[in-house]
């Protein structure tokens, strides 16, 4: 009888998917922190929709109302606006 762990078939790594052992632990941790900030759910300051996402480096847009602003590359500070 083969041993199966409780997470059999579940990919490991969360936001670090695609980074193998060759990149090292420090790079994987840094990449995981950046990607968790980048992919976080945000609300549109104009319409309140949760479809407010990054279009490019420093460009953030709402898919619902087409509201577009410029912010930081990986995060946007909506409190300052």
N, C-alpha and C. Protein backbone atom coordinates (compact mmCIF):
# COMPACT_ATOMS: atom_id res chain seq x y z
N UNK A 1 0.84 -1.18 0.00
CA UNK A 1 0.00 0.00 0.00
C UNK A 1 0.89 1.24 0.00
N UNK A 2 0.60 2.16 -0.90
CA UNK A 2 1.40 3.38 -1.02
C UNK A 2 0.90 4.44 -0.05
N UNK A 3 1.82 5.22 0.47
CA UNK A 3 1.50 6.29 1.40
C UNK A 3 1.11 7.54 0.61
N UNK A 4 -0.01 8.14 0.99
CA UNK A 4 -0.45 9.39 0.37
C UNK A 4 -0.61 10.44 1.46
N UNK A 5 0.00 11.57 1.26
CA UNK A 5 -0.17 12.65 2.23
C UNK A 5 -1.53 13.30 2.04
N UNK A 6 -1.92 14.13 3.00
CA UNK A 6 -3.22 14.78 2.92
C UNK A 6 -3.28 15.81 1.80
N UNK A 7 -2.13 16.28 1.33
CA UNK A 7 -2.11 17.28 0.26
C UNK A 7 -1.68 16.67 -1.07
N UNK A 8 -2.00 15.42 -1.30
CA UNK A 8 -1.62 14.76 -2.55
C UNK A 8 -2.33 15.42 -3.72
N UNK A 9 -1.57 15.80 -4.72
CA UNK A 9 -2.12 16.41 -5.91
C UNK A 9 -2.29 17.91 -5.82
N UNK A 10 -1.96 18.50 -4.67
CA UNK A 10 -2.09 19.95 -4.50
C UNK A 10 -0.74 20.58 -4.77
N UNK A 11 -0.66 21.55 -5.70
CA UNK A 11 0.63 22.18 -5.98
C UNK A 11 1.12 22.99 -4.79
N UNK A 12 2.41 22.96 -4.54
CA UNK A 12 2.99 23.68 -3.43
C UNK A 12 3.50 25.04 -3.89
N UNK A 13 3.69 25.94 -2.94
CA UNK A 13 4.36 27.18 -3.24
C UNK A 13 3.49 28.42 -3.26
N UNK A 14 2.18 28.29 -3.42
CA UNK A 14 1.33 29.47 -3.44
C UNK A 14 1.71 30.41 -4.56
N UNK A 15 2.16 31.62 -4.20
CA UNK A 15 2.54 32.63 -5.19
C UNK A 15 3.89 32.35 -5.81
N UNK A 16 4.61 31.37 -5.34
CA UNK A 16 5.95 31.08 -5.85
C UNK A 16 5.93 29.95 -6.89
N UNK A 17 4.79 29.66 -7.43
CA UNK A 17 4.67 28.59 -8.42
C UNK A 17 5.54 28.91 -9.62
N UNK A 18 6.30 27.94 -10.07
CA UNK A 18 7.16 28.12 -11.23
C UNK A 18 8.60 28.39 -10.87
N UNK A 19 8.87 28.66 -9.60
CA UNK A 19 10.26 28.88 -9.18
C UNK A 19 10.78 27.59 -8.55
N UNK A 20 11.72 26.97 -9.20
CA UNK A 20 12.27 25.73 -8.70
C UNK A 20 13.38 25.96 -7.69
N UNK A 21 14.08 24.89 -7.36
CA UNK A 21 15.14 24.95 -6.37
C UNK A 21 16.34 25.76 -6.85
N UNK A 22 16.47 25.92 -8.16
CA UNK A 22 17.67 26.59 -8.67
C UNK A 22 17.72 28.08 -8.34
N UNK A 23 16.58 28.68 -7.95
CA UNK A 23 16.57 30.11 -7.66
C UNK A 23 16.97 30.43 -6.22
N UNK A 24 16.87 29.50 -5.31
CA UNK A 24 17.26 29.73 -3.93
C UNK A 24 16.12 30.24 -3.07
N UNK A 25 16.26 30.04 -1.77
CA UNK A 25 15.19 30.38 -0.83
C UNK A 25 14.94 31.88 -0.74
N UNK A 26 15.98 32.69 -0.75
CA UNK A 26 15.81 34.14 -0.61
C UNK A 26 15.02 34.72 -1.77
N UNK A 27 15.34 34.31 -2.97
CA UNK A 27 14.64 34.82 -4.15
C UNK A 27 13.19 34.35 -4.14
N UNK A 28 12.93 33.11 -3.75
CA UNK A 28 11.56 32.60 -3.70
C UNK A 28 10.73 33.36 -2.66
N UNK A 29 11.31 33.66 -1.52
CA UNK A 29 10.59 34.42 -0.48
C UNK A 29 10.28 35.83 -0.95
N UNK A 30 11.25 36.48 -1.56
CA UNK A 30 11.05 37.85 -2.05
C UNK A 30 9.98 37.87 -3.14
N UNK A 31 10.03 36.92 -4.05
CA UNK A 31 9.06 36.83 -5.13
C UNK A 31 7.66 36.58 -4.56
N UNK A 32 7.57 35.74 -3.54
CA UNK A 32 6.28 35.47 -2.91
C UNK A 32 5.68 36.71 -2.27
N UNK A 33 6.50 37.53 -1.61
CA UNK A 33 6.01 38.76 -1.00
C UNK A 33 5.53 39.75 -2.05
N UNK A 34 6.29 39.92 -3.12
CA UNK A 34 5.92 40.86 -4.18
C UNK A 34 4.64 40.41 -4.86
N UNK A 35 4.52 39.14 -5.16
CA UNK A 35 3.33 38.65 -5.86
C UNK A 35 2.09 38.70 -4.98
N UNK A 36 2.22 38.50 -3.67
CA UNK A 36 1.05 38.58 -2.80
C UNK A 36 0.53 40.02 -2.74
N UNK A 37 1.43 41.00 -2.75
CA UNK A 37 1.01 42.41 -2.78
C UNK A 37 0.40 42.74 -4.14
N UNK A 38 1.00 42.26 -5.20
CA UNK A 38 0.55 42.56 -6.55
C UNK A 38 -0.83 41.98 -6.85
N UNK A 39 -1.10 40.77 -6.39
CA UNK A 39 -2.35 40.08 -6.73
C UNK A 39 -3.46 40.28 -5.70
N UNK A 40 -3.23 41.15 -4.72
CA UNK A 40 -4.23 41.38 -3.68
C UNK A 40 -5.49 42.01 -4.29
N UNK A 41 -6.65 41.70 -3.71
CA UNK A 41 -7.91 42.25 -4.18
C UNK A 41 -8.02 43.70 -3.70
N UNK A 42 -8.34 44.58 -4.62
CA UNK A 42 -8.48 46.00 -4.30
C UNK A 42 -9.83 46.51 -4.78
N UNK A 43 -10.30 47.56 -4.13
CA UNK A 43 -11.56 48.20 -4.53
C UNK A 43 -11.28 49.45 -5.35
N UNK A 44 -12.09 49.66 -6.34
CA UNK A 44 -11.98 50.85 -7.19
C UNK A 44 -12.40 52.07 -6.37
N UNK A 45 -11.60 53.13 -6.38
CA UNK A 45 -11.98 54.33 -5.63
C UNK A 45 -13.16 55.08 -6.25
N UNK A 46 -13.48 54.79 -7.50
CA UNK A 46 -14.57 55.47 -8.18
C UNK A 46 -15.91 54.77 -7.99
N UNK A 47 -15.97 53.47 -8.31
CA UNK A 47 -17.25 52.76 -8.27
C UNK A 47 -17.36 51.74 -7.15
N UNK A 48 -16.24 51.38 -6.50
CA UNK A 48 -16.28 50.43 -5.40
C UNK A 48 -16.20 48.97 -5.82
N UNK A 49 -16.01 48.71 -7.09
CA UNK A 49 -15.91 47.35 -7.60
C UNK A 49 -14.60 46.71 -7.14
N UNK A 50 -14.58 45.38 -7.04
CA UNK A 50 -13.36 44.67 -6.67
C UNK A 50 -12.55 44.26 -7.89
N UNK A 51 -12.88 44.78 -9.03
CA UNK A 51 -12.17 44.44 -10.27
C UNK A 51 -11.11 45.49 -10.62
N UNK A 52 -10.49 46.06 -9.62
CA UNK A 52 -9.45 47.07 -9.78
C UNK A 52 -8.11 46.36 -9.82
N UNK A 53 -7.43 46.35 -10.97
CA UNK A 53 -6.22 45.55 -11.16
C UNK A 53 -5.13 46.34 -11.86
N UNK A 54 -3.96 45.77 -11.84
CA UNK A 54 -2.79 46.36 -12.48
C UNK A 54 -2.80 46.02 -13.96
N UNK A 55 -2.69 47.02 -14.82
CA UNK A 55 -2.62 46.79 -16.27
C UNK A 55 -1.19 46.69 -16.75
N UNK A 56 -0.31 47.46 -16.15
CA UNK A 56 1.10 47.50 -16.52
C UNK A 56 1.87 48.08 -15.36
N UNK A 57 3.14 48.31 -15.57
CA UNK A 57 3.99 48.85 -14.51
C UNK A 57 3.51 50.24 -14.12
N UNK A 58 2.88 50.35 -12.97
CA UNK A 58 2.42 51.63 -12.47
C UNK A 58 1.07 52.09 -12.99
N UNK A 59 0.37 51.28 -13.76
CA UNK A 59 -0.94 51.64 -14.32
C UNK A 59 -1.99 50.72 -13.71
N UNK A 60 -2.97 51.31 -13.03
CA UNK A 60 -4.02 50.57 -12.36
C UNK A 60 -5.35 50.98 -12.96
N UNK A 61 -6.22 50.00 -13.26
CA UNK A 61 -7.49 50.31 -13.91
C UNK A 61 -8.59 49.42 -13.38
N UNK A 62 -9.80 49.96 -13.42
CA UNK A 62 -11.00 49.22 -13.03
C UNK A 62 -11.63 48.66 -14.30
N UNK A 63 -11.95 47.38 -14.28
CA UNK A 63 -12.56 46.75 -15.45
C UNK A 63 -14.04 47.10 -15.58
N UNK A 64 -14.65 47.56 -14.51
CA UNK A 64 -16.07 47.87 -14.53
C UNK A 64 -16.35 49.27 -15.07
N UNK A 65 -15.70 50.29 -14.47
CA UNK A 65 -16.01 51.67 -14.86
C UNK A 65 -14.91 52.33 -15.69
N UNK A 66 -13.84 51.59 -15.99
CA UNK A 66 -12.72 52.08 -16.81
C UNK A 66 -11.93 53.22 -16.15
N UNK A 67 -12.04 53.37 -14.84
CA UNK A 67 -11.27 54.38 -14.09
C UNK A 67 -9.81 53.95 -14.09
N UNK A 68 -8.89 54.82 -14.50
CA UNK A 68 -7.47 54.50 -14.61
C UNK A 68 -6.65 55.54 -13.86
N UNK A 69 -5.67 55.05 -13.08
CA UNK A 69 -4.78 55.95 -12.35
C UNK A 69 -3.36 55.42 -12.47
N UNK A 70 -2.41 56.29 -12.15
CA UNK A 70 -1.01 55.90 -12.10
C UNK A 70 -0.61 55.77 -10.64
N UNK A 71 0.14 54.71 -10.34
CA UNK A 71 0.59 54.48 -8.97
C UNK A 71 1.96 53.86 -8.99
N UNK A 72 2.28 53.16 -7.92
CA UNK A 72 3.56 52.48 -7.85
C UNK A 72 3.53 51.23 -8.71
N UNK A 73 4.69 50.64 -8.95
CA UNK A 73 4.78 49.51 -9.87
C UNK A 73 4.06 48.27 -9.35
N UNK A 74 4.18 47.96 -8.05
CA UNK A 74 3.60 46.73 -7.52
C UNK A 74 2.43 46.98 -6.60
N UNK A 75 2.17 48.21 -6.23
CA UNK A 75 1.09 48.53 -5.31
C UNK A 75 0.58 49.92 -5.63
N UNK A 76 -0.61 50.23 -5.20
CA UNK A 76 -1.16 51.56 -5.39
C UNK A 76 -1.65 52.04 -4.03
N UNK A 77 -1.31 53.28 -3.68
CA UNK A 77 -1.72 53.86 -2.41
C UNK A 77 -2.95 54.72 -2.64
N UNK A 78 -4.12 54.16 -2.41
CA UNK A 78 -5.36 54.88 -2.68
C UNK A 78 -5.69 55.89 -1.58
N UNK A 79 -5.08 55.74 -0.40
CA UNK A 79 -5.36 56.65 0.71
C UNK A 79 -4.84 58.05 0.41
N UNK A 80 -3.78 58.17 -0.40
CA UNK A 80 -3.18 59.46 -0.72
C UNK A 80 -4.02 60.27 -1.70
N UNK A 81 -4.93 59.63 -2.40
CA UNK A 81 -5.69 60.29 -3.45
C UNK A 81 -6.94 60.95 -2.91
